[in-house]
Amino acid sequence: TNKDEIFYKSTSEILPNLVFKDGYLYFSVENYRTGFGNSSQYSYGVDKRILKLNLSTKDESEITRDKIRCFTVNSDNSIFISIDKIDSFGSDIYKLNPNGNSKVKVADSKMLINEMVTYNDRIFVSAKSQSDNFGIFEFSLSDNTFTKIADTPYLESQISIYDNKLFFISNNNSQYRSYYVDLT
């Protein structure tokens, strides 16, 4: 129709990554609230809510709210979330059932996981060690290992999957470019 249409409104910032699956849009929004252990910010901090929006009816439901850094939706509609460790550098990874009412820790990592996507039960992440920039890795839940896909002294991020390809952005040689890896 060549006309803009407001599809969804929010008073909170809608954060990447957007996950389209089985007629739903999964996304997260930031919420500022009190109750954090700091005095410099008057106990204010940020948590995220993961929301699920029916693309046909536009009905919205909250799946969970936590100190989530990133999430992804699996083939069985369960959800992996990454939460920063409290007492050391790295991430704890939890699996939520599709309704978000059951959370089980499935892995922890000394790497900080900033983004996650799944493809055929494989997990791909943008992650970094304490002294590096974010790179792209395949993460194995079974043994908490990272297999390098793209890891340079520069930033690799903004991962997504489309048509059996893992897309990402890299700042290589002082220029941002888009790259992909064929996963088949």
N, C-alpha and C. Protein backbone atom coordinates (compact mmCIF):
# COMPACT_ATOMS: atom_id res chain seq x y z
N THR A 1 0.82 -1.21 0.00
CA THR A 1 0.00 0.00 0.00
C THR A 1 0.86 1.27 0.00
N ASN A 2 2.15 1.12 0.20
CA ASN A 2 3.06 2.26 0.32
C ASN A 2 2.69 3.19 1.45
N LYS A 3 2.01 2.66 2.47
CA LYS A 3 1.66 3.46 3.64
C LYS A 3 2.30 2.83 4.87
N ASP A 4 2.85 3.69 5.72
CA ASP A 4 3.40 3.21 6.98
C ASP A 4 2.26 2.80 7.90
N GLU A 5 2.51 1.79 8.69
CA GLU A 5 1.53 1.33 9.67
C GLU A 5 2.26 1.04 10.97
N ILE A 6 1.74 1.53 12.07
CA ILE A 6 2.32 1.21 13.37
C ILE A 6 1.90 -0.21 13.72
N PHE A 7 2.90 -1.07 13.86
CA PHE A 7 2.61 -2.47 14.15
C PHE A 7 2.54 -2.73 15.64
N TYR A 8 3.41 -2.06 16.39
CA TYR A 8 3.48 -2.29 17.82
C TYR A 8 4.02 -1.03 18.48
N LYS A 9 3.46 -0.64 19.61
CA LYS A 9 3.94 0.51 20.37
C LYS A 9 4.43 0.06 21.73
N SER A 10 5.50 0.72 22.18
CA SER A 10 6.04 0.44 23.50
C SER A 10 6.61 1.72 24.08
N THR A 11 6.52 1.86 25.39
CA THR A 11 7.16 2.99 26.05
C THR A 11 8.60 2.66 26.42
N SER A 12 8.99 1.40 26.24
CA SER A 12 10.36 0.96 26.51
C SER A 12 11.08 0.74 25.19
N GLU A 13 12.41 0.83 25.24
CA GLU A 13 13.21 0.57 24.05
C GLU A 13 13.14 -0.92 23.69
N ILE A 14 12.86 -1.21 22.42
CA ILE A 14 12.85 -2.59 21.94
C ILE A 14 14.27 -2.92 21.49
N LEU A 15 14.81 -3.98 22.07
CA LEU A 15 16.22 -4.30 21.86
C LEU A 15 16.40 -5.41 20.83
N PRO A 16 17.56 -5.43 20.17
CA PRO A 16 17.83 -6.57 19.31
C PRO A 16 18.04 -7.78 20.20
N ASN A 17 17.80 -8.86 19.85
CA ASN A 17 17.47 -9.50 18.61
C ASN A 17 15.97 -9.74 18.54
N LEU A 18 15.43 -9.64 17.35
CA LEU A 18 14.04 -9.98 17.12
C LEU A 18 14.01 -11.40 16.59
N VAL A 19 13.17 -12.25 17.19
CA VAL A 19 13.07 -13.64 16.77
C VAL A 19 11.66 -13.88 16.25
N PHE A 20 11.54 -14.24 14.98
CA PHE A 20 10.26 -14.58 14.38
C PHE A 20 10.16 -16.10 14.34
N LYS A 21 9.12 -16.65 14.97
CA LYS A 21 8.99 -18.11 15.02
C LYS A 21 7.53 -18.51 15.19
N ASP A 22 7.05 -19.35 14.29
CA ASP A 22 5.72 -19.96 14.39
C ASP A 22 4.61 -18.94 14.62
N GLY A 23 4.66 -17.82 13.89
CA GLY A 23 3.60 -16.81 13.99
C GLY A 23 3.74 -15.86 15.15
N TYR A 24 4.90 -15.88 15.82
CA TYR A 24 5.14 -14.99 16.96
C TYR A 24 6.42 -14.20 16.73
N LEU A 25 6.45 -13.04 17.37
CA LEU A 25 7.66 -12.23 17.45
C LEU A 25 8.10 -12.22 18.90
N TYR A 26 9.34 -12.65 19.14
CA TYR A 26 9.94 -12.61 20.48
C TYR A 26 10.92 -11.44 20.50
N PHE A 27 10.88 -10.65 21.56
CA PHE A 27 11.80 -9.52 21.68
C PHE A 27 11.95 -9.16 23.15
N SER A 28 12.90 -8.28 23.43
CA SER A 28 13.10 -7.87 24.82
C SER A 28 13.06 -6.35 24.91
N VAL A 29 12.68 -5.88 26.09
CA VAL A 29 12.65 -4.46 26.40
C VAL A 29 13.35 -4.25 27.74
N GLU A 30 13.98 -3.08 27.90
CA GLU A 30 14.65 -2.74 29.15
C GLU A 30 13.67 -2.08 30.11
N ASN A 31 13.85 -2.35 31.40
CA ASN A 31 13.06 -1.72 32.44
C ASN A 31 14.00 -1.24 33.53
N TYR A 32 13.83 0.01 33.92
CA TYR A 32 14.61 0.58 35.01
C TYR A 32 13.78 0.45 36.27
N ARG A 33 14.43 -0.05 37.34
CA ARG A 33 13.70 -0.24 38.59
C ARG A 33 14.68 -0.13 39.76
N THR A 34 14.14 -0.04 40.95
CA THR A 34 14.96 -0.02 42.16
C THR A 34 15.18 -1.45 42.65
N GLY A 35 16.04 -1.57 43.65
CA GLY A 35 16.28 -2.89 44.24
C GLY A 35 17.65 -3.44 43.94
N PHE A 36 18.47 -2.68 43.24
CA PHE A 36 19.83 -3.12 42.93
C PHE A 36 20.77 -2.68 44.05
N GLY A 37 21.86 -3.40 44.24
CA GLY A 37 22.77 -3.13 45.34
C GLY A 37 23.78 -2.05 45.02
N ASN A 38 23.33 -0.85 44.78
CA ASN A 38 24.26 0.25 44.56
C ASN A 38 23.75 1.50 45.27
N SER A 39 24.65 2.36 45.68
CA SER A 39 24.22 3.62 46.29
C SER A 39 24.42 4.79 45.34
N SER A 40 25.36 4.64 44.39
CA SER A 40 25.63 5.74 43.46
C SER A 40 24.46 6.00 42.51
N GLN A 41 23.66 4.99 42.24
CA GLN A 41 22.49 5.14 41.36
C GLN A 41 21.19 5.06 42.15
N TYR A 42 21.26 5.27 43.45
CA TYR A 42 20.08 5.24 44.34
C TYR A 42 19.32 3.92 44.23
N SER A 43 20.04 2.82 44.08
CA SER A 43 19.57 1.44 43.96
C SER A 43 18.82 1.16 42.65
N TYR A 44 18.92 2.07 41.66
CA TYR A 44 18.31 1.81 40.36
C TYR A 44 19.21 0.93 39.51
N GLY A 45 18.60 0.12 38.68
CA GLY A 45 19.31 -0.73 37.74
C GLY A 45 18.39 -1.12 36.61
N VAL A 46 18.89 -1.96 35.73
CA VAL A 46 18.14 -2.35 34.53
C VAL A 46 17.95 -3.85 34.52
N ASP A 47 16.75 -4.27 34.20
CA ASP A 47 16.51 -5.66 33.84
C ASP A 47 15.77 -5.69 32.52
N LYS A 48 15.60 -6.87 31.98
CA LYS A 48 14.93 -7.01 30.69
C LYS A 48 13.73 -7.93 30.84
N ARG A 49 12.72 -7.62 30.06
CA ARG A 49 11.57 -8.51 29.92
C ARG A 49 11.63 -9.11 28.53
N ILE A 50 11.39 -10.41 28.44
CA ILE A 50 11.24 -11.06 27.13
C ILE A 50 9.75 -11.15 26.88
N LEU A 51 9.33 -10.61 25.74
CA LEU A 51 7.92 -10.57 25.38
C LEU A 51 7.68 -11.43 24.14
N LYS A 52 6.46 -11.90 24.02
CA LYS A 52 6.03 -12.72 22.89
C LYS A 52 4.79 -12.05 22.31
N LEU A 53 4.84 -11.71 21.02
CA LEU A 53 3.74 -11.00 20.36
C LEU A 53 3.17 -11.87 19.26
N ASN A 54 1.87 -12.14 19.33
CA ASN A 54 1.19 -12.89 18.27
C ASN A 54 1.10 -11.98 17.05
N LEU A 55 1.66 -12.40 15.92
CA LEU A 55 1.72 -11.54 14.74
C LEU A 55 0.35 -11.34 14.10
N SER A 56 -0.59 -12.24 14.34
CA SER A 56 -1.93 -12.10 13.77
C SER A 56 -2.83 -11.23 14.64
N THR A 57 -2.87 -11.55 15.92
CA THR A 57 -3.80 -10.86 16.83
C THR A 57 -3.16 -9.67 17.54
N LYS A 58 -1.84 -9.60 17.53
CA LYS A 58 -1.05 -8.58 18.24
C LYS A 58 -1.20 -8.67 19.75
N ASP A 59 -1.66 -9.84 20.24
CA ASP A 59 -1.70 -10.07 21.68
C ASP A 59 -0.27 -10.26 22.18
N GLU A 60 0.03 -9.62 23.30
CA GLU A 60 1.36 -9.64 23.88
C GLU A 60 1.33 -10.38 25.21
N SER A 61 2.38 -11.17 25.46
CA SER A 61 2.52 -11.80 26.76
C SER A 61 3.97 -11.73 27.19
N GLU A 62 4.18 -11.62 28.49
CA GLU A 62 5.52 -11.60 29.05
C GLU A 62 5.94 -13.02 29.36
N ILE A 63 7.13 -13.39 28.90
CA ILE A 63 7.65 -14.73 29.18
C ILE A 63 8.44 -14.72 30.48
N THR A 64 9.32 -13.73 30.63
CA THR A 64 10.13 -13.65 31.85
C THR A 64 10.69 -12.26 32.00
N ARG A 65 11.17 -11.99 33.22
CA ARG A 65 11.86 -10.73 33.53
C ARG A 65 13.05 -11.09 34.41
N ASP A 66 14.23 -10.61 34.01
CA ASP A 66 15.43 -10.94 34.77
C ASP A 66 16.55 -10.00 34.32
N LYS A 67 17.74 -10.20 34.86
CA LYS A 67 18.91 -9.40 34.46
C LYS A 67 19.55 -10.03 33.22
N ILE A 68 18.79 -10.16 32.18
CA ILE A 68 19.15 -10.88 30.96
C ILE A 68 20.03 -10.01 30.07
N ARG A 69 21.10 -10.59 29.58
CA ARG A 69 21.92 -9.89 28.58
C ARG A 69 21.38 -10.20 27.18
N CYS A 70 21.07 -11.48 26.90
CA CYS A 70 20.55 -11.85 25.58
C CYS A 70 19.75 -13.14 25.70
N PHE A 71 19.04 -13.47 24.62
CA PHE A 71 18.23 -14.68 24.60
C PHE A 71 18.12 -15.19 23.17
N THR A 72 17.66 -16.43 23.03
CA THR A 72 17.29 -17.00 21.74
C THR A 72 16.20 -18.03 21.96
N VAL A 73 15.43 -18.29 20.92
CA VAL A 73 14.34 -19.26 20.97
C VAL A 73 14.79 -20.51 20.23
N ASN A 74 14.63 -21.67 20.87
CA ASN A 74 15.07 -22.95 20.31
C ASN A 74 13.99 -23.58 19.44
N SER A 75 14.35 -24.65 18.76
CA SER A 75 13.41 -25.33 17.86
C SER A 75 12.19 -25.88 18.60
N ASP A 76 12.34 -26.21 19.90
CA ASP A 76 11.21 -26.72 20.68
C ASP A 76 10.47 -25.60 21.42
N ASN A 77 10.74 -24.35 21.05
CA ASN A 77 10.16 -23.13 21.65
C ASN A 77 10.62 -22.87 23.08
N SER A 78 11.56 -23.66 23.59
CA SER A 78 12.19 -23.27 24.85
C SER A 78 13.11 -22.09 24.55
N ILE A 79 13.58 -21.44 25.59
CA ILE A 79 14.36 -20.22 25.42
C ILE A 79 15.64 -20.32 26.24
N PHE A 80 16.77 -20.01 25.61
CA PHE A 80 18.03 -19.86 26.31
C PHE A 80 18.20 -18.39 26.65
N ILE A 81 18.61 -18.11 27.89
CA ILE A 81 18.95 -16.75 28.28
C ILE A 81 20.36 -16.73 28.85
N SER A 82 21.06 -15.64 28.61
CA SER A 82 22.39 -15.44 29.15
C SER A 82 22.31 -14.33 30.19
N ILE A 83 22.85 -14.59 31.37
CA ILE A 83 22.86 -13.62 32.46
C ILE A 83 24.31 -13.46 32.90
N ASP A 84 24.75 -12.21 33.05
CA ASP A 84 26.12 -11.94 33.48
C ASP A 84 26.34 -12.52 34.88
N LYS A 85 27.52 -13.12 35.08
CA LYS A 85 27.88 -13.61 36.41
C LYS A 85 27.98 -12.43 37.37
N ILE A 86 27.66 -12.66 38.61
CA ILE A 86 27.70 -11.60 39.61
C ILE A 86 29.09 -11.44 40.21
N ASP A 87 29.76 -12.56 40.47
CA ASP A 87 31.02 -12.51 41.21
C ASP A 87 32.27 -12.67 40.37
N SER A 88 32.12 -12.82 39.06
CA SER A 88 33.28 -12.95 38.18
C SER A 88 32.86 -12.62 36.75
N PHE A 89 33.83 -12.56 35.86
CA PHE A 89 33.56 -12.25 34.47
C PHE A 89 33.00 -13.49 33.79
N GLY A 90 31.98 -13.32 32.98
CA GLY A 90 31.42 -14.43 32.23
C GLY A 90 29.91 -14.45 32.27
N SER A 91 29.33 -15.55 31.82
CA SER A 91 27.89 -15.68 31.67
C SER A 91 27.39 -17.01 32.22
N ASP A 92 26.20 -16.96 32.79
CA ASP A 92 25.46 -18.17 33.14
C ASP A 92 24.35 -18.31 32.11
N ILE A 93 24.13 -19.54 31.65
CA ILE A 93 23.12 -19.79 30.63
C ILE A 93 22.03 -20.65 31.24
N TYR A 94 20.80 -20.21 31.04
CA TYR A 94 19.63 -20.89 31.57
C TYR A 94 18.71 -21.27 30.42
N LYS A 95 17.95 -22.34 30.65
CA LYS A 95 16.94 -22.75 29.69
C LYS A 95 15.58 -22.57 30.36
N LEU A 96 14.70 -21.85 29.67
CA LEU A 96 13.33 -21.64 30.14
C LEU A 96 12.40 -22.52 29.32
N ASN A 97 11.34 -23.03 29.96
CA ASN A 97 10.34 -23.71 29.16
C ASN A 97 9.60 -22.65 28.33
N PRO A 98 8.79 -23.02 27.33
CA PRO A 98 8.16 -22.02 26.45
C PRO A 98 7.33 -20.96 27.18
N ASN A 99 6.78 -21.28 28.34
CA ASN A 99 6.00 -20.29 29.08
C ASN A 99 6.84 -19.45 30.02
N GLY A 100 8.10 -19.80 30.20
CA GLY A 100 8.99 -19.04 31.04
C GLY A 100 8.83 -19.27 32.53
N ASN A 101 8.00 -20.27 32.91
CA ASN A 101 7.76 -20.47 34.34
C ASN A 101 8.68 -21.51 34.98
N SER A 102 9.67 -21.99 34.22
CA SER A 102 10.65 -22.92 34.75
C SER A 102 12.02 -22.53 34.20
N LYS A 103 12.99 -22.27 35.08
CA LYS A 103 14.33 -21.84 34.68
C LYS A 103 15.35 -22.82 35.25
N VAL A 104 16.17 -23.40 34.37
CA VAL A 104 17.19 -24.36 34.77
C VAL A 104 18.54 -23.90 34.22
N LYS A 105 19.54 -23.83 35.09
CA LYS A 105 20.88 -23.47 34.62
C LYS A 105 21.45 -24.65 33.84
N VAL A 106 21.88 -24.39 32.61
CA VAL A 106 22.40 -25.46 31.75
C VAL A 106 23.89 -25.32 31.47
N ALA A 107 24.47 -24.14 31.72
CA ALA A 107 25.90 -23.96 31.46
C ALA A 107 26.37 -22.67 32.12
N ASP A 108 27.68 -22.61 32.30
CA ASP A 108 28.28 -21.33 32.66
C ASP A 108 29.55 -21.18 31.85
N SER A 109 29.98 -19.95 31.73
CA SER A 109 31.09 -19.67 30.84
C SER A 109 31.97 -18.57 31.43
N LYS A 110 33.26 -18.67 31.17
CA LYS A 110 34.18 -17.60 31.53
C LYS A 110 34.19 -16.51 30.47
N MET A 111 33.49 -16.76 29.37
CA MET A 111 33.32 -15.74 28.31
C MET A 111 32.02 -15.00 28.59
N LEU A 112 31.97 -13.73 28.23
CA LEU A 112 30.77 -12.93 28.33
C LEU A 112 30.00 -13.08 27.02
N ILE A 113 28.79 -13.62 27.11
CA ILE A 113 27.97 -13.86 25.92
C ILE A 113 27.03 -12.66 25.75
N ASN A 114 27.17 -12.00 24.61
CA ASN A 114 26.42 -10.77 24.35
C ASN A 114 25.23 -10.98 23.41
N GLU A 115 25.31 -11.98 22.54
CA GLU A 115 24.23 -12.29 21.60
C GLU A 115 24.20 -13.80 21.40
N MET A 116 22.98 -14.34 21.13
CA MET A 116 22.82 -15.77 20.88
C MET A 116 21.80 -15.99 19.78
N VAL A 117 22.06 -16.98 18.92
CA VAL A 117 21.07 -17.47 17.96
C VAL A 117 21.22 -18.99 17.90
N THR A 118 20.14 -19.67 17.55
CA THR A 118 20.21 -21.12 17.38
C THR A 118 19.88 -21.49 15.94
N TYR A 119 20.44 -22.62 15.53
CA TYR A 119 20.21 -23.16 14.19
C TYR A 119 20.34 -24.67 14.29
N ASN A 120 19.24 -25.37 14.04
CA ASN A 120 19.25 -26.84 14.10
C ASN A 120 19.92 -27.35 15.38
N ASP A 121 19.49 -26.80 16.51
CA ASP A 121 19.99 -27.18 17.83
C ASP A 121 21.46 -26.86 18.05
N ARG A 122 22.04 -26.02 17.21
CA ARG A 122 23.38 -25.50 17.43
C ARG A 122 23.24 -24.08 17.96
N ILE A 123 24.16 -23.66 18.82
CA ILE A 123 24.11 -22.33 19.42
C ILE A 123 25.29 -21.51 18.93
N PHE A 124 25.00 -20.35 18.39
CA PHE A 124 26.04 -19.42 17.95
C PHE A 124 25.95 -18.17 18.80
N VAL A 125 27.11 -17.64 19.16
CA VAL A 125 27.15 -16.51 20.08
C VAL A 125 28.15 -15.45 19.61
N SER A 126 27.89 -14.24 20.02
CA SER A 126 28.91 -13.19 20.01
C SER A 126 29.39 -13.12 21.45
N ALA A 127 30.67 -13.40 21.68
CA ALA A 127 31.19 -13.51 23.04
C ALA A 127 32.62 -12.99 23.10
N LYS A 128 33.07 -12.74 24.33
CA LYS A 128 34.44 -12.25 24.49
C LYS A 128 35.00 -12.67 25.83
N SER A 129 36.32 -12.81 25.86
CA SER A 129 37.00 -12.97 27.14
C SER A 129 37.22 -11.59 27.73
N GLN A 130 37.73 -11.54 28.93
CA GLN A 130 37.79 -10.27 29.65
C GLN A 130 38.63 -9.21 28.95
N SER A 131 39.65 -9.59 28.23
CA SER A 131 40.54 -8.59 27.63
C SER A 131 40.40 -8.46 26.11
N ASP A 132 39.38 -9.07 25.51
CA ASP A 132 39.22 -9.07 24.06
C ASP A 132 37.95 -8.36 23.63
N ASN A 133 37.81 -8.20 22.31
CA ASN A 133 36.56 -7.73 21.73
C ASN A 133 35.66 -8.92 21.44
N PHE A 134 34.40 -8.63 21.13
CA PHE A 134 33.45 -9.70 20.83
C PHE A 134 33.78 -10.37 19.51
N GLY A 135 33.79 -11.70 19.52
CA GLY A 135 33.97 -12.51 18.32
C GLY A 135 32.77 -13.42 18.16
N ILE A 136 32.74 -14.18 17.07
CA ILE A 136 31.63 -15.09 16.77
C ILE A 136 32.11 -16.52 17.01
N PHE A 137 31.33 -17.27 17.79
CA PHE A 137 31.69 -18.64 18.15
C PHE A 137 30.47 -19.55 18.08
N GLU A 138 30.72 -20.84 17.91
CA GLU A 138 29.69 -21.84 18.17
C GLU A 138 29.94 -22.33 19.60
N PHE A 139 28.86 -22.35 20.38
CA PHE A 139 28.97 -22.73 21.78
C PHE A 139 28.35 -24.10 21.99
N SER A 140 29.08 -24.98 22.66
CA SER A 140 28.60 -26.33 22.96
C SER A 140 28.14 -26.38 24.41
N LEU A 141 26.88 -26.70 24.62
CA LEU A 141 26.35 -26.85 25.97
C LEU A 141 26.93 -28.07 26.67
N SER A 142 27.25 -29.10 25.90
CA SER A 142 27.68 -30.36 26.51
C SER A 142 29.01 -30.24 27.25
N ASP A 143 29.92 -29.40 26.75
CA ASP A 143 31.21 -29.28 27.41
C ASP A 143 31.67 -27.83 27.61
N ASN A 144 30.75 -26.88 27.44
CA ASN A 144 31.05 -25.45 27.65
C ASN A 144 32.24 -24.96 26.83
N THR A 145 32.35 -25.42 25.58
CA THR A 145 33.45 -24.99 24.73
C THR A 145 32.96 -24.04 23.65
N PHE A 146 33.90 -23.22 23.18
CA PHE A 146 33.64 -22.26 22.13
C PHE A 146 34.51 -22.62 20.92
N THR A 147 33.88 -22.75 19.76
CA THR A 147 34.60 -22.99 18.52
C THR A 147 34.58 -21.70 17.72
N LYS A 148 35.77 -21.21 17.38
CA LYS A 148 35.88 -19.92 16.70
C LYS A 148 35.28 -19.96 15.30
N ILE A 149 34.43 -18.98 15.00
CA ILE A 149 33.92 -18.77 13.65
C ILE A 149 34.63 -17.55 13.06
N ALA A 150 34.64 -16.45 13.79
CA ALA A 150 35.32 -15.22 13.38
C ALA A 150 35.72 -14.48 14.65
N ASP A 151 37.00 -14.33 14.86
CA ASP A 151 37.48 -13.65 16.05
C ASP A 151 38.75 -12.89 15.69
N THR A 152 38.61 -11.60 15.53
CA THR A 152 39.73 -10.74 15.16
C THR A 152 39.98 -9.78 16.32
N PRO A 153 40.98 -8.92 16.23
CA PRO A 153 41.16 -7.90 17.27
C PRO A 153 40.04 -6.86 17.24
N TYR A 154 39.17 -6.94 16.23
CA TYR A 154 38.08 -5.99 16.08
C TYR A 154 36.78 -6.59 16.57
N LEU A 155 35.72 -5.86 16.47
CA LEU A 155 34.41 -6.28 16.96
C LEU A 155 33.67 -7.10 15.91
N GLU A 156 33.13 -8.26 16.31
CA GLU A 156 32.20 -9.02 15.49
C GLU A 156 30.90 -9.13 16.29
N SER A 157 29.78 -8.77 15.66
CA SER A 157 28.52 -8.77 16.39
C SER A 157 27.34 -8.76 15.43
N GLN A 158 26.16 -8.50 15.97
CA GLN A 158 24.90 -8.42 15.24
C GLN A 158 24.63 -9.71 14.45
N ILE A 159 24.63 -10.83 15.18
CA ILE A 159 24.47 -12.12 14.53
C ILE A 159 23.01 -12.41 14.25
N SER A 160 22.77 -13.08 13.13
CA SER A 160 21.43 -13.53 12.77
C SER A 160 21.57 -14.70 11.80
N ILE A 161 20.50 -15.47 11.70
CA ILE A 161 20.47 -16.63 10.81
C ILE A 161 19.40 -16.39 9.75
N TYR A 162 19.77 -16.64 8.51
CA TYR A 162 18.79 -16.60 7.43
C TYR A 162 19.26 -17.53 6.33
N ASP A 163 18.36 -18.38 5.85
CA ASP A 163 18.64 -19.25 4.71
C ASP A 163 19.92 -20.06 4.91
N ASN A 164 20.04 -20.71 6.07
CA ASN A 164 21.18 -21.57 6.40
C ASN A 164 22.51 -20.82 6.50
N LYS A 165 22.44 -19.52 6.69
CA LYS A 165 23.65 -18.72 6.79
C LYS A 165 23.66 -17.95 8.10
N LEU A 166 24.84 -17.87 8.71
CA LEU A 166 25.06 -17.07 9.92
C LEU A 166 25.66 -15.74 9.48
N PHE A 167 24.88 -14.67 9.62
CA PHE A 167 25.33 -13.33 9.25
C PHE A 167 25.87 -12.61 10.47
N PHE A 168 26.85 -11.74 10.25
CA PHE A 168 27.38 -10.92 11.32
C PHE A 168 28.07 -9.70 10.72
N ILE A 169 28.33 -8.74 11.57
CA ILE A 169 29.03 -7.51 11.20
C ILE A 169 30.43 -7.57 11.82
N SER A 170 31.42 -7.12 11.08
CA SER A 170 32.77 -7.05 11.62
C SER A 170 33.42 -5.73 11.24
N ASN A 171 34.13 -5.15 12.19
CA ASN A 171 34.91 -3.95 11.93
C ASN A 171 36.32 -4.42 11.64
N ASN A 172 36.59 -4.71 10.40
CA ASN A 172 37.87 -5.25 10.00
C ASN A 172 38.57 -4.21 9.13
N ASN A 173 39.81 -3.90 9.42
CA ASN A 173 40.57 -2.88 8.69
C ASN A 173 39.86 -1.53 8.69
N SER A 174 39.27 -1.19 9.84
CA SER A 174 38.60 0.11 10.05
C SER A 174 37.37 0.33 9.18
N GLN A 175 36.76 -0.74 8.70
CA GLN A 175 35.52 -0.64 7.93
C GLN A 175 34.55 -1.71 8.41
N TYR A 176 33.32 -1.29 8.68
CA TYR A 176 32.28 -2.25 9.03
C TYR A 176 31.78 -2.91 7.76
N ARG A 177 31.74 -4.22 7.80
CA ARG A 177 31.23 -4.98 6.66
C ARG A 177 30.35 -6.10 7.19
N SER A 178 29.47 -6.58 6.33
CA SER A 178 28.62 -7.70 6.66
C SER A 178 29.22 -8.97 6.06
N TYR A 179 29.24 -10.03 6.85
CA TYR A 179 29.80 -11.31 6.43
C TYR A 179 28.79 -12.41 6.71
N TYR A 180 28.97 -13.56 6.07
CA TYR A 180 28.18 -14.71 6.44
C TYR A 180 29.00 -15.97 6.32
N VAL A 181 28.57 -16.97 7.09
CA VAL A 181 29.15 -18.30 7.04
C VAL A 181 28.01 -19.24 6.68
N ASP A 182 28.22 -20.05 5.64
CA ASP A 182 27.21 -21.03 5.25
C ASP A 182 27.27 -22.18 6.25
N LEU A 183 26.16 -22.44 6.95
CA LEU A 183 26.15 -23.44 8.01
C LEU A 183 25.90 -24.86 7.51
N THR A 184 25.64 -25.00 6.23
CA THR A 184 25.47 -26.35 5.69
C THR A 184 26.77 -26.86 5.11
